[in-house]
Amino acid sequence: MSIQQCRAFFRTLGREEDILEFDVSSATVELAAQAVGVAPARIAKTLSFLVDGKCVLLVCAGDAKVDNTKFKAQFHTKAKMLTPEQVEAFTGHAVGGVCPFGITNPDVTTYLDRSLQRFETVYPAAGSANSAIQLTCEELAEYAHSAGWVDLCKNWEGAPTE
């Protein structure tokens, strides 16, 4: 169902044909990077957290790790990942294909981490464990209906930009 959600969403933008579907899994950063043919850092992974009973999606670079201190400062709570069942219930996307596209649940808020901004284009999933779409950071922010850019990750500074 999730890839169909994304297809319908991108159809409204005239971008449905830009969704890449692979014969192999792209469910992890490493697998997605191999499928797309880019460095793992350019994979825009979507992480799901529970904050005040609601879902917060954080889209960040594939080589970035959440900094718990920064997360707590931003959201005033510890970073608590959602279970796979909770992720699907909130977003409609199963783990491996989670993305910020086509989500209509008002209890989901998406933030983009600045670790992505070092790239001209990035590759988030498109609703399935074997899909992606190439987007600029500006397109990602617009299409994800992002609540804004944040600085919540570590271990990416000084890493290659391509």
Protein backbone atom coordinates (compact mmCIF):
# COMPACT_ATOMS: atom_id res chain seq x y z
CA MET A 1 0.00 0.00 0.00
CA SER A 2 2.77 2.43 0.90
CA ILE A 3 4.42 2.64 -2.53
CA GLN A 4 0.94 3.38 -3.93
CA GLN A 5 0.59 6.18 -1.35
CA CYS A 6 3.84 7.69 -2.60
CA ARG A 7 2.94 7.21 -6.24
CA ALA A 8 -0.35 9.03 -5.70
CA PHE A 9 1.42 11.82 -3.81
CA PHE A 10 4.10 12.30 -6.46
CA ARG A 11 1.50 12.05 -9.26
CA THR A 12 -0.02 15.30 -7.94
CA LEU A 13 3.41 16.90 -8.37
CA GLY A 14 4.06 15.46 -11.82
CA ARG A 15 6.93 13.41 -10.36
CA GLU A 16 5.50 9.88 -10.24
CA GLU A 17 7.79 8.71 -13.04
CA ASP A 18 10.81 9.85 -11.03
CA ILE A 19 10.34 7.13 -8.42
CA LEU A 20 13.08 4.55 -8.77
CA GLU A 21 12.16 0.91 -8.13
CA PHE A 22 14.86 -1.70 -7.77
CA ASP A 23 15.04 -5.47 -8.24
CA VAL A 24 16.99 -5.59 -4.97
CA SER A 25 16.25 -4.37 -1.46
CA SER A 26 16.97 -0.77 -0.54
CA ALA A 27 15.71 -1.21 3.03
CA THR A 28 18.94 -0.11 4.73
CA VAL A 29 21.28 2.79 4.03
CA GLU A 30 23.95 0.43 2.69
CA LEU A 31 21.54 -1.49 0.44
CA ALA A 32 19.95 1.73 -0.83
CA ALA A 33 23.37 3.20 -1.63
CA GLN A 34 24.27 0.07 -3.61
CA ALA A 35 20.93 0.07 -5.45
CA VAL A 36 21.16 3.76 -6.36
CA GLY A 37 24.91 3.76 -6.95
CA VAL A 38 25.85 6.58 -4.57
CA ALA A 39 27.74 7.00 -1.32
CA PRO A 40 25.71 5.91 1.74
CA ALA A 41 25.78 9.47 3.10
CA ARG A 42 23.51 10.61 0.21
CA ILE A 43 20.73 8.27 1.30
CA ALA A 44 18.18 10.35 3.20
CA LYS A 45 17.13 7.97 5.97
CA THR A 46 13.91 8.62 7.85
CA LEU A 47 13.97 7.87 11.57
CA SER A 48 10.76 7.70 13.62
CA PHE A 49 10.43 8.86 17.23
CA LEU A 50 7.67 9.10 19.82
CA VAL A 51 7.38 12.60 21.28
CA ASP A 52 4.42 13.50 23.51
CA GLY A 53 2.36 10.64 22.10
CA LYS A 54 2.92 11.79 18.52
CA CYS A 55 5.30 10.74 15.74
CA VAL A 56 8.31 12.84 14.84
CA LEU A 57 10.11 11.90 11.65
CA LEU A 58 13.72 12.97 11.31
CA VAL A 59 15.18 12.77 7.81
CA CYS A 60 18.97 12.80 7.94
CA ALA A 61 22.03 11.79 5.94
CA GLY A 62 22.87 8.11 5.78
CA ASP A 63 26.14 8.60 7.66
CA ALA A 64 24.64 10.70 10.48
CA LYS A 65 23.74 9.45 13.95
CA VAL A 66 21.19 11.07 16.27
CA ASP A 67 22.84 13.05 19.04
CA ASN A 68 20.79 12.29 22.15
CA THR A 69 21.80 15.54 23.88
CA LYS A 70 20.68 17.63 20.90
CA PHE A 71 17.46 15.62 20.59
CA LYS A 72 16.59 16.18 24.25
CA ALA A 73 17.33 19.90 23.96
CA GLN A 74 15.02 20.17 20.92
CA PHE A 75 12.11 18.01 22.13
CA HIS A 76 12.55 18.05 25.94
CA THR A 77 12.47 14.25 26.07
CA LYS A 78 14.77 11.32 25.43
CA ALA A 79 14.93 9.96 21.88
CA LYS A 80 12.57 6.97 21.83
CA MET A 81 12.27 5.13 18.53
CA LEU A 82 8.87 3.85 17.48
CA THR A 83 8.26 0.14 17.09
CA PRO A 84 7.75 -1.09 13.51
CA GLU A 85 4.02 -1.43 14.23
CA GLN A 86 3.80 2.14 15.53
CA VAL A 87 5.72 3.46 12.52
CA GLU A 88 3.28 1.85 10.12
CA ALA A 89 0.25 2.96 12.16
CA PHE A 90 1.40 6.61 12.18
CA THR A 91 2.83 6.89 8.67
CA GLY A 92 1.31 4.12 6.57
CA HIS A 93 4.85 3.11 5.60
CA ALA A 94 6.57 -0.08 6.73
CA VAL A 95 10.11 -0.04 8.11
CA GLY A 96 12.52 -0.17 5.17
CA GLY A 97 10.38 2.16 3.08
CA VAL A 98 9.58 4.88 5.60
CA CYS A 99 9.55 8.34 4.08
CA PRO A 100 7.83 11.67 4.76
CA PHE A 101 5.68 11.57 1.62
CA GLY A 102 1.96 11.02 1.34
CA ILE A 103 1.37 11.10 5.08
CA THR A 104 -2.00 12.54 6.05
CA ASN A 105 -1.91 11.80 9.80
CA PRO A 106 -1.89 15.14 11.69
CA ASP A 107 0.02 13.43 14.52
CA VAL A 108 3.16 13.18 12.33
CA THR A 109 5.65 16.05 12.10
CA THR A 110 8.71 15.90 9.87
CA TYR A 111 12.04 17.63 10.48
CA LEU A 112 15.08 17.63 8.20
CA ASP A 113 18.57 17.43 9.64
CA ARG A 114 21.23 19.80 8.35
CA SER A 115 23.50 16.80 7.64
CA LEU A 116 21.65 16.58 4.30
CA GLN A 117 22.43 20.15 3.24
CA ARG A 118 25.97 19.33 2.13
CA PHE A 119 24.56 17.47 -0.91
CA GLU A 120 23.04 18.84 -4.10
CA THR A 121 20.64 15.89 -4.23
CA VAL A 122 19.69 13.09 -1.83
CA TYR A 123 17.72 9.84 -2.10
CA PRO A 124 14.91 9.20 0.36
CA ALA A 125 12.81 6.04 0.17
CA ALA A 126 9.53 6.21 -1.71
CA GLY A 127 7.32 3.99 0.39
CA SER A 128 8.74 0.51 -0.16
CA ALA A 129 11.83 -1.49 0.72
CA ASN A 130 13.01 -1.30 -2.89
CA SER A 131 12.40 2.30 -3.93
CA ALA A 132 13.86 5.80 -3.78
CA ILE A 133 13.53 9.18 -5.43
CA GLN A 134 16.25 11.72 -6.18
CA LEU A 135 15.42 15.16 -4.75
CA THR A 136 17.20 18.41 -4.05
CA CYS A 137 17.14 19.52 -0.41
CA GLU A 138 14.67 22.25 -1.37
CA GLU A 139 12.34 19.69 -2.99
CA LEU A 140 12.68 17.41 0.02
CA ALA A 141 11.71 20.22 2.39
CA GLU A 142 8.71 21.16 0.25
CA TYR A 143 7.45 17.64 -0.47
CA ALA A 144 7.96 16.45 3.12
CA HIS A 145 5.93 19.40 4.43
CA SER A 146 8.86 19.86 6.77
CA ALA A 147 8.51 21.74 10.04
CA GLY A 148 12.05 22.96 9.43
CA TRP A 149 15.75 22.23 9.37
CA VAL A 150 17.29 21.09 12.65
CA ASP A 151 20.72 20.18 13.97
CA LEU A 152 20.12 16.84 15.73
CA CYS A 153 22.83 14.58 14.34
CA LYS A 154 26.53 13.89 14.83
CA ASN A 155 29.40 11.97 13.21
CA TRP A 156 28.90 13.45 9.76
CA GLU A 157 30.78 16.75 10.02
CA GLY A 158 33.86 16.73 7.84
CA ALA A 159 32.65 13.68 5.93
CA PRO A 160 32.86 13.66 2.12
CA THR A 161 30.18 15.58 0.26
CA GLU A 162 29.89 13.12 -2.63
